[in-house]
Amino acid sequence: MSEAFEPNLTRAAAPAVDQARADEVTGRGNRDHPEHLLADAENIGRTYGEGARRVIALDHATCQIAPGDRIAIIGPSGSGKSTLLQLLAGLDTPSSGVLRWPALGPQTGLRPAQIAVIFQQHSLLEPLSVVENVALPLLLYGVAPSLARVRALAALERLDLAALCDRLPDELSGGQAQRVTVARALAGSPRLILADEPTGQLDHATAERVITLLLQVLSGTDTALVVSTHDPAVAVHMPRRWQIHDGILEAGN
């Protein structure tokens, strides 16, 4: 399996692109070709419980994610942002509606090769070093240990973290730990990154650095990025902005 999975970190260093490539990277044109969509949700809903205990977390949401998209999902805590991202990541199944990943294949094969998820908490494993944490998804996918380490180190280098590769998570600051989580997401060169409040636990300056670094690394690639946030300072970085309130999504272009 490791031979079939060949992430190419060098593509993230691509320089400015021509207009045709720019159209692809920004998602223009892809939404007219459903087979190119990374995610296509039609009237999806998610409910929990039954009867009087029934809770509607997401209600008839329709949205599309194309290659190169940069999308902010904006809404307060409890509005349904996390529920939507979990569905788009294939971590959960809609209670209603239809959710497909036309360009990525079946739900069972989405992670870690196709979709990477960044959570609000860094979710690093305490017994493992920084480089071991970043390499772990690759190892679970079947990449040879030596190659997984090379790719993990390359991802850390891109985020100015190579000097921390042998540290343990409890030896990192909050900003460093979250950047390691970003490096872990990037190590496999996924086609879609879903980030759930990735700067929610960081101060403003550190949050700005994390989101700026992430966008810089993805610049010139067709990897799509979807970030949920309640922070306008984060949302302003994204060309497309969706609003969500009480489980109702407004996915404008």
C-alpha atoms as a PDB file:
ATOM      1  CA  MET A   1       0.000   0.000   0.000  1.00  0.00           C
ATOM      2  CA  SER A   2       2.880   2.360   0.704  1.00  0.00           C
ATOM      3  CA  GLU A   3       3.960   2.335  -2.957  1.00  0.00           C
ATOM      4  CA  ALA A   4       0.480   3.423  -4.069  1.00  0.00           C
ATOM      5  CA  PHE A   5       0.394   6.348  -1.637  1.00  0.00           C
ATOM      6  CA  GLU A   6       2.876   8.948  -2.817  1.00  0.00           C
ATOM      7  CA  PRO A   7       2.218  12.348  -1.250  1.00  0.00           C
ATOM      8  CA  ASN A   8       4.244  15.091  -2.909  1.00  0.00           C
ATOM      9  CA  LEU A   9       5.070  17.846  -0.468  1.00  0.00           C
ATOM     10  CA  THR A  10       7.008  19.807  -3.075  1.00  0.00           C
ATOM     11  CA  ARG A  11       3.807  20.784  -4.848  1.00  0.00           C
ATOM     12  CA  ALA A  12       2.964  23.115  -1.942  1.00  0.00           C
ATOM     13  CA  ALA A  13       5.943  25.269  -2.905  1.00  0.00           C
ATOM     14  CA  ALA A  14       4.561  26.094  -6.353  1.00  0.00           C
ATOM     15  CA  PRO A  15       5.043  29.726  -7.462  1.00  0.00           C
ATOM     16  CA  ALA A  16       2.402  31.999  -8.933  1.00  0.00           C
ATOM     17  CA  VAL A  17       0.169  30.196 -11.405  1.00  0.00           C
ATOM     18  CA  ASP A  18      -1.238  31.176 -14.779  1.00  0.00           C
ATOM     19  CA  GLN A  19      -4.897  32.154 -15.140  1.00  0.00           C
ATOM     20  CA  ALA A  20      -6.130  28.702 -16.134  1.00  0.00           C
ATOM     21  CA  ARG A  21      -4.399  27.210 -13.122  1.00  0.00           C
ATOM     22  CA  ALA A  22      -5.650  30.063 -10.941  1.00  0.00           C
ATOM     23  CA  ASP A  23      -9.217  29.253 -11.933  1.00  0.00           C
ATOM     24  CA  GLU A  24      -8.660  25.667 -10.864  1.00  0.00           C
ATOM     25  CA  VAL A  25      -7.002  26.634  -7.591  1.00  0.00           C
ATOM     26  CA  THR A  26      -9.825  29.000  -6.610  1.00  0.00           C
ATOM     27  CA  GLY A  27     -12.474  26.425  -7.494  1.00  0.00           C
ATOM     28  CA  ARG A  28     -13.903  28.392 -10.424  1.00  0.00           C
ATOM     29  CA  GLY A  29     -15.163  26.019 -13.093  1.00  0.00           C
ATOM     30  CA  ASN A  30     -15.108  22.950 -10.865  1.00  0.00           C
ATOM     31  CA  ARG A  31     -18.593  23.473  -9.474  1.00  0.00           C
ATOM     32  CA  ASP A  32     -19.943  23.171 -13.013  1.00  0.00           C
ATOM     33  CA  HIS A  33     -18.495  19.644 -13.199  1.00  0.00           C
ATOM     34  CA  PRO A  34     -19.922  17.558 -10.341  1.00  0.00           C
ATOM     35  CA  GLU A  35     -17.420  14.772 -10.911  1.00  0.00           C
ATOM     36  CA  HIS A  36     -14.617  17.176  -9.879  1.00  0.00           C
ATOM     37  CA  LEU A  37     -16.171  18.102  -6.536  1.00  0.00           C
ATOM     38  CA  LEU A  38     -14.363  17.027  -3.384  1.00  0.00           C
ATOM     39  CA  ALA A  39     -17.623  17.067  -1.412  1.00  0.00           C
ATOM     40  CA  ASP A  40     -21.212  17.498  -2.530  1.00  0.00           C
ATOM     41  CA  ALA A  41     -23.909  17.727   0.132  1.00  0.00           C
ATOM     42  CA  GLU A  42     -27.596  17.954  -0.711  1.00  0.00           C
ATOM     43  CA  ASN A  43     -30.111  18.665   2.049  1.00  0.00           C
ATOM     44  CA  ILE A  44     -28.096  16.790   4.653  1.00  0.00           C
ATOM     45  CA  GLY A  45     -29.283  16.800   8.235  1.00  0.00           C
ATOM     46  CA  ARG A  46     -28.070  15.359  11.509  1.00  0.00           C
ATOM     47  CA  THR A  47     -30.280  14.675  14.475  1.00  0.00           C
ATOM     48  CA  TYR A  48     -29.496  13.087  17.822  1.00  0.00           C
ATOM     49  CA  GLY A  49     -31.933  11.318  20.112  1.00  0.00           C
ATOM     50  CA  GLU A  50     -35.628  10.663  19.640  1.00  0.00           C
ATOM     51  CA  GLY A  51     -38.948  12.079  20.762  1.00  0.00           C
ATOM     52  CA  ALA A  52     -38.736  14.851  23.336  1.00  0.00           C
ATOM     53  CA  ARG A  53     -34.950  14.400  23.488  1.00  0.00           C
ATOM     54  CA  ARG A  54     -34.491  14.857  19.747  1.00  0.00           C
ATOM     55  CA  VAL A  55     -31.909  17.525  18.878  1.00  0.00           C
ATOM     56  CA  ILE A  56     -31.463  18.898  15.354  1.00  0.00           C
ATOM     57  CA  ALA A  57     -27.756  19.692  15.025  1.00  0.00           C
ATOM     58  CA  LEU A  58     -27.849  20.315  11.266  1.00  0.00           C
ATOM     59  CA  ASP A  59     -30.936  20.974   9.170  1.00  0.00           C
ATOM     60  CA  HIS A  60     -31.120  20.493   5.367  1.00  0.00           C
ATOM     61  CA  ALA A  61     -27.639  21.789   4.556  1.00  0.00           C
ATOM     62  CA  THR A  62     -26.588  22.003   0.915  1.00  0.00           C
ATOM     63  CA  CYS A  63     -23.012  22.870  -0.064  1.00  0.00           C
ATOM     64  CA  GLN A  64     -20.182  21.982  -2.406  1.00  0.00           C
ATOM     65  CA  ILE A  65     -16.405  21.991  -2.018  1.00  0.00           C
ATOM     66  CA  ALA A  66     -14.251  22.237  -5.140  1.00  0.00           C
ATOM     67  CA  PRO A  67     -10.480  21.866  -5.555  1.00  0.00           C
ATOM     68  CA  GLY A  68      -8.663  24.985  -4.419  1.00  0.00           C
ATOM     69  CA  ASP A  69     -11.548  26.350  -2.349  1.00  0.00           C
ATOM     70  CA  ARG A  70     -10.764  28.451   0.715  1.00  0.00           C
ATOM     71  CA  ILE A  71     -13.913  28.506   2.844  1.00  0.00           C
ATOM     72  CA  ALA A  72     -14.733  29.848   6.288  1.00  0.00           C
ATOM     73  CA  ILE A  73     -17.777  28.473   8.101  1.00  0.00           C
ATOM     74  CA  ILE A  74     -18.788  31.248  10.485  1.00  0.00           C
ATOM     75  CA  GLY A  75     -21.090  30.832  13.428  1.00  0.00           C
ATOM     76  CA  PRO A  76     -21.279  30.890  17.224  1.00  0.00           C
ATOM     77  CA  SER A  77     -20.585  27.910  19.460  1.00  0.00           C
ATOM     78  CA  GLY A  78     -23.298  25.279  19.155  1.00  0.00           C
ATOM     79  CA  SER A  79     -24.449  26.482  15.734  1.00  0.00           C
ATOM     80  CA  GLY A  80     -23.601  23.219  13.925  1.00  0.00           C
ATOM     81  CA  LYS A  81     -20.123  23.998  12.581  1.00  0.00           C
ATOM     82  CA  SER A  82     -18.454  20.944  14.090  1.00  0.00           C
ATOM     83  CA  THR A  83     -21.328  18.671  13.087  1.00  0.00           C
ATOM     84  CA  LEU A  84     -21.051  19.801   9.467  1.00  0.00           C
ATOM     85  CA  LEU A  85     -17.277  19.301   9.381  1.00  0.00           C
ATOM     86  CA  GLN A  86     -17.549  15.832  10.908  1.00  0.00           C
ATOM     87  CA  LEU A  87     -20.036  14.875   8.204  1.00  0.00           C
ATOM     88  CA  LEU A  88     -17.880  16.335   5.420  1.00  0.00           C
ATOM     89  CA  ALA A  89     -14.895  14.420   6.792  1.00  0.00           C
ATOM     90  CA  GLY A  90     -16.803  11.138   6.755  1.00  0.00           C
ATOM     91  CA  LEU A  91     -16.449  10.838  10.534  1.00  0.00           C
ATOM     92  CA  ASP A  92     -20.233  10.734  10.903  1.00  0.00           C
ATOM     93  CA  THR A  93     -23.186   9.863   8.676  1.00  0.00           C
ATOM     94  CA  PRO A  94     -26.100  12.206   7.879  1.00  0.00           C
ATOM     95  CA  SER A  95     -29.503  11.344   9.307  1.00  0.00           C
ATOM     96  CA  SER A  96     -31.047  12.620   6.075  1.00  0.00           C
ATOM     97  CA  GLY A  97     -30.049  13.927   2.679  1.00  0.00           C
ATOM     98  CA  VAL A  98     -27.250  12.849   0.360  1.00  0.00           C
ATOM     99  CA  LEU A  99     -23.512  13.374   0.877  1.00  0.00           C
ATOM    100  CA  ARG A 100     -20.985  12.343  -1.756  1.00  0.00           C
ATOM    101  CA  TRP A 101     -17.271  12.793  -2.419  1.00  0.00           C
ATOM    102  CA  PRO A 102     -17.247  12.505  -6.243  1.00  0.00           C
ATOM    103  CA  ALA A 103     -13.533  13.136  -6.791  1.00  0.00           C
ATOM    104  CA  LEU A 104     -12.371  11.282  -3.671  1.00  0.00           C
ATOM    105  CA  GLY A 105     -14.215   7.987  -3.732  1.00  0.00           C
ATOM    106  CA  PRO A 106     -16.136   6.092  -1.032  1.00  0.00           C
ATOM    107  CA  GLN A 107     -16.424   7.216   2.572  1.00  0.00           C
ATOM    108  CA  THR A 108     -14.276   4.316   3.787  1.00  0.00           C
ATOM    109  CA  GLY A 109     -11.223   5.571   1.882  1.00  0.00           C
ATOM    110  CA  LEU A 110     -11.266   9.263   2.743  1.00  0.00           C
ATOM    111  CA  ARG A 111      -8.702   9.429   5.541  1.00  0.00           C
ATOM    112  CA  PRO A 112      -5.816  10.024   5.793  1.00  0.00           C
ATOM    113  CA  ALA A 113      -4.941  10.021   2.099  1.00  0.00           C
ATOM    114  CA  GLN A 114      -7.767  12.229   0.828  1.00  0.00           C
ATOM    115  CA  ILE A 115      -9.063  14.265   3.778  1.00  0.00           C
ATOM    116  CA  ALA A 116      -7.186  15.589   6.806  1.00  0.00           C
ATOM    117  CA  VAL A 117      -8.892  17.007   9.883  1.00  0.00           C
ATOM    118  CA  ILE A 118      -7.459  19.619  12.252  1.00  0.00           C
ATOM    119  CA  PHE A 119      -9.254  19.894  15.583  1.00  0.00           C
ATOM    120  CA  GLN A 120      -9.416  22.766  18.057  1.00  0.00           C
ATOM    121  CA  GLN A 121      -7.397  20.762  20.580  1.00  0.00           C
ATOM    122  CA  HIS A 122      -4.074  19.674  19.177  1.00  0.00           C
ATOM    123  CA  SER A 123      -4.794  15.959  19.869  1.00  0.00           C
ATOM    124  CA  LEU A 124      -1.112  15.018  19.880  1.00  0.00           C
ATOM    125  CA  LEU A 125      -0.212  11.745  21.582  1.00  0.00           C
ATOM    126  CA  GLU A 126       1.845  12.496  24.685  1.00  0.00           C
ATOM    127  CA  PRO A 127       4.219   9.478  24.559  1.00  0.00           C
ATOM    128  CA  LEU A 128       5.293  10.268  20.988  1.00  0.00           C
ATOM    129  CA  SER A 129       7.755  12.907  19.840  1.00  0.00           C
ATOM    130  CA  VAL A 130       6.722  15.677  17.481  1.00  0.00           C
ATOM    131  CA  VAL A 131       8.023  13.898  14.390  1.00  0.00           C
ATOM    132  CA  GLU A 132       6.455  10.616  15.486  1.00  0.00           C
ATOM    133  CA  ASN A 133       3.079  12.343  15.914  1.00  0.00           C
ATOM    134  CA  VAL A 134       3.300  13.842  12.433  1.00  0.00           C
ATOM    135  CA  ALA A 135       4.347  10.530  10.877  1.00  0.00           C
ATOM    136  CA  LEU A 136       1.671   8.464  12.637  1.00  0.00           C
ATOM    137  CA  PRO A 137      -1.173   8.864  10.070  1.00  0.00           C
ATOM    138  CA  LEU A 138       1.215   7.849   7.301  1.00  0.00           C
ATOM    139  CA  LEU A 139       2.273   4.756   9.224  1.00  0.00           C
ATOM    140  CA  LEU A 140      -1.352   3.817   9.822  1.00  0.00           C
ATOM    141  CA  TYR A 141      -1.949   4.120   6.095  1.00  0.00           C
ATOM    142  CA  GLY A 142       0.900   1.730   5.360  1.00  0.00           C
ATOM    143  CA  VAL A 143       3.779   4.026   4.417  1.00  0.00           C
ATOM    144  CA  ALA A 144       7.195   2.581   5.298  1.00  0.00           C
ATOM    145  CA  PRO A 145       8.558   4.011   8.577  1.00  0.00           C
ATOM    146  CA  SER A 146      11.654   5.551   6.984  1.00  0.00           C
ATOM    147  CA  LEU A 147       9.604   7.267   4.282  1.00  0.00           C
ATOM    148  CA  ALA A 148       6.964   8.410   6.778  1.00  0.00           C
ATOM    149  CA  ARG A 149       9.691  10.067   8.852  1.00  0.00           C
ATOM    150  CA  VAL A 150      11.107  11.848   5.801  1.00  0.00           C
ATOM    151  CA  ARG A 151       7.693  13.211   4.907  1.00  0.00           C
ATOM    152  CA  ALA A 152       6.959  14.188   8.487  1.00  0.00           C
ATOM    153  CA  LEU A 153      10.239  16.110   8.717  1.00  0.00           C
ATOM    154  CA  ALA A 154       9.481  17.847   5.418  1.00  0.00           C
ATOM    155  CA  ALA A 155       6.082  18.967   6.712  1.00  0.00           C
ATOM    156  CA  LEU A 156       7.631  20.241   9.945  1.00  0.00           C
ATOM    157  CA  GLU A 157      10.255  22.145   7.981  1.00  0.00           C
ATOM    158  CA  ARG A 158       7.577  23.923   5.978  1.00  0.00           C
ATOM    159  CA  LEU A 159       6.057  25.199   9.208  1.00  0.00           C
ATOM    160  CA  ASP A 160       9.401  26.188  10.767  1.00  0.00           C
ATOM    161  CA  LEU A 161       9.180  23.364  13.296  1.00  0.00           C
ATOM    162  CA  ALA A 162      12.099  21.117  12.313  1.00  0.00           C
ATOM    163  CA  ALA A 163      14.085  22.148  15.391  1.00  0.00           C
ATOM    164  CA  LEU A 164      11.314  20.768  17.612  1.00  0.00           C
ATOM    165  CA  CYS A 165      11.093  17.343  15.970  1.00  0.00           C
ATOM    166  CA  ASP A 166      12.374  15.387  18.992  1.00  0.00           C
ATOM    167  CA  ARG A 167      10.373  17.217  21.644  1.00  0.00           C
ATOM    168  CA  LEU A 168       7.376  15.723  23.404  1.00  0.00           C
ATOM    169  CA  PRO A 169       3.977  17.460  23.217  1.00  0.00           C
ATOM    170  CA  ASP A 170       4.149  18.687  26.830  1.00  0.00           C
ATOM    171  CA  GLU A 171       7.346  20.561  25.943  1.00  0.00           C
ATOM    172  CA  LEU A 172       5.545  22.711  23.355  1.00  0.00           C
ATOM    173  CA  SER A 173       3.677  25.979  23.661  1.00  0.00           C
ATOM    174  CA  GLY A 174       0.033  26.063  22.578  1.00  0.00           C
ATOM    175  CA  GLY A 175       0.916  27.702  19.272  1.00  0.00           C
ATOM    176  CA  GLN A 176       3.704  25.214  18.582  1.00  0.00           C
ATOM    177  CA  ALA A 177       1.445  22.262  19.334  1.00  0.00           C
ATOM    178  CA  GLN A 178      -1.242  23.520  16.967  1.00  0.00           C
ATOM    179  CA  ARG A 179       1.326  24.091  14.207  1.00  0.00           C
ATOM    180  CA  VAL A 180       2.481  20.491  14.710  1.00  0.00           C
ATOM    181  CA  THR A 181      -1.138  19.429  14.210  1.00  0.00           C
ATOM    182  CA  VAL A 182      -1.186  21.422  10.969  1.00  0.00           C
ATOM    183  CA  ALA A 183       2.044  19.705   9.893  1.00  0.00           C
ATOM    184  CA  ARG A 184       0.455  16.318  10.612  1.00  0.00           C
ATOM    185  CA  ALA A 185      -2.467  17.239   8.366  1.00  0.00           C
ATOM    186  CA  LEU A 186      -0.139  18.387   5.585  1.00  0.00           C
ATOM    187  CA  ALA A 187       2.258  15.433   5.722  1.00  0.00           C
ATOM    188  CA  GLY A 188       0.056  13.228   3.552  1.00  0.00           C
ATOM    189  CA  SER A 189      -0.723  15.973   0.997  1.00  0.00           C
ATOM    190  CA  PRO A 190      -4.517  15.572   1.338  1.00  0.00           C
ATOM    191  CA  ARG A 191      -6.873  17.001  -1.259  1.00  0.00           C
ATOM    192  CA  LEU A 192      -9.159  18.477   1.404  1.00  0.00           C
ATOM    193  CA  ILE A 193      -8.300  19.887   4.834  1.00  0.00           C
ATOM    194  CA  LEU A 194     -11.118  20.468   7.322  1.00  0.00           C
ATOM    195  CA  ALA A 195     -10.114  22.597  10.308  1.00  0.00           C
ATOM    196  CA  ASP A 196     -12.528  22.853  13.242  1.00  0.00           C
ATOM    197  CA  GLU A 197     -11.805  26.082  15.161  1.00  0.00           C
ATOM    198  CA  PRO A 198      -8.042  25.498  14.722  1.00  0.00           C
ATOM    199  CA  THR A 199      -7.155  28.798  16.425  1.00  0.00           C
ATOM    200  CA  GLY A 200      -9.867  28.763  19.082  1.00  0.00           C
ATOM    201  CA  GLN A 201      -7.447  28.142  21.966  1.00  0.00           C
ATOM    202  CA  LEU A 202      -4.762  30.583  20.793  1.00  0.00           C
ATOM    203  CA  ASP A 203      -4.172  34.267  21.428  1.00  0.00           C
ATOM    204  CA  HIS A 204      -4.759  36.651  18.529  1.00  0.00           C
ATOM    205  CA  ALA A 205      -1.122  36.967  17.401  1.00  0.00           C
ATOM    206  CA  THR A 206      -0.504  33.205  17.520  1.00  0.00           C
ATOM    207  CA  ALA A 207      -3.802  32.488  15.765  1.00  0.00           C
ATOM    208  CA  GLU A 208      -2.846  34.899  12.995  1.00  0.00           C
ATOM    209  CA  ARG A 209       0.499  33.186  12.547  1.00  0.00           C
ATOM    210  CA  VAL A 210      -1.022  29.696  12.413  1.00  0.00           C
ATOM    211  CA  ILE A 211      -3.673  30.570   9.811  1.00  0.00           C
ATOM    212  CA  THR A 212      -1.184  32.603   7.742  1.00  0.00           C
ATOM    213  CA  LEU A 213       1.341  29.768   7.693  1.00  0.00           C
ATOM    214  CA  LEU A 214      -1.335  27.270   6.687  1.00  0.00           C
ATOM    215  CA  LEU A 215      -2.464  29.446   3.785  1.00  0.00           C
ATOM    216  CA  GLN A 216       1.118  30.081   2.690  1.00  0.00           C
ATOM    217  CA  VAL A 217       1.880  26.361   2.573  1.00  0.00           C
ATOM    218  CA  LEU A 218      -1.263  25.690   0.536  1.00  0.00           C
ATOM    219  CA  SER A 219      -0.697  28.629  -1.818  1.00  0.00           C
ATOM    220  CA  GLY A 220      -0.512  27.504  -5.434  1.00  0.00           C
ATOM    221  CA  THR A 221      -2.017  24.065  -4.732  1.00  0.00           C
ATOM    222  CA  ASP A 222      -5.485  22.695  -5.458  1.00  0.00           C
ATOM    223  CA  THR A 223      -5.872  21.410  -1.902  1.00  0.00           C
ATOM    224  CA  ALA A 224      -9.155  22.773  -0.561  1.00  0.00           C
ATOM    225  CA  LEU A 225      -9.309  24.272   2.923  1.00  0.00           C
ATOM    226  CA  VAL A 226     -12.453  24.648   5.027  1.00  0.00           C
ATOM    227  CA  VAL A 227     -12.098  26.377   8.399  1.00  0.00           C
ATOM    228  CA  SER A 228     -14.861  26.706  10.968  1.00  0.00           C
ATOM    229  CA  THR A 229     -14.549  29.768  13.180  1.00  0.00           C
ATOM    230  CA  HIS A 230     -16.374  32.382  15.200  1.00  0.00           C
ATOM    231  CA  ASP A 231     -13.457  34.807  14.770  1.00  0.00           C
ATOM    232  CA  PRO A 232     -13.833  37.445  12.011  1.00  0.00           C
ATOM    233  CA  ALA A 233     -10.035  37.867  11.979  1.00  0.00           C
ATOM    234  CA  VAL A 234      -9.728  34.259  10.793  1.00  0.00           C
ATOM    235  CA  ALA A 235     -12.678  34.360   8.403  1.00  0.00           C
ATOM    236  CA  VAL A 236     -11.345  37.421   6.579  1.00  0.00           C
ATOM    237  CA  HIS A 237      -8.533  35.294   5.130  1.00  0.00           C
ATOM    238  CA  MET A 238     -11.012  33.098   3.229  1.00  0.00           C
ATOM    239  CA  PRO A 239     -12.504  34.185  -0.133  1.00  0.00           C
ATOM    240  CA  ARG A 240     -15.692  32.146   0.450  1.00  0.00           C
ATOM    241  CA  ARG A 241     -17.657  32.493   3.682  1.00  0.00           C
ATOM    242  CA  TRP A 242     -20.578  30.388   4.802  1.00  0.00           C
ATOM    243  CA  GLN A 243     -22.820  31.387   7.693  1.00  0.00           C
ATOM    244  CA  ILE A 244     -24.412  28.878  10.049  1.00  0.00           C
ATOM    245  CA  HIS A 245     -26.904  29.539  12.851  1.00  0.00           C
ATOM    246  CA  ASP A 246     -29.005  27.031  14.796  1.00  0.00           C
ATOM    247  CA  GLY A 247     -28.087  24.277  12.349  1.00  0.00           C
ATOM    248  CA  ILE A 248     -29.119  26.285   9.270  1.00  0.00           C
ATOM    249  CA  LEU A 249     -26.350  26.732   6.714  1.00  0.00           C
ATOM    250  CA  GLU A 250     -26.156  29.606   4.254  1.00  0.00           C
ATOM    251  CA  ALA A 251     -23.486  28.448   1.808  1.00  0.00           C
ATOM    252  CA  GLY A 252     -23.163  31.458  -0.472  1.00  0.00           C
ATOM    253  CA  ASN A 253     -20.416  31.830  -3.037  1.00  0.00           C
END
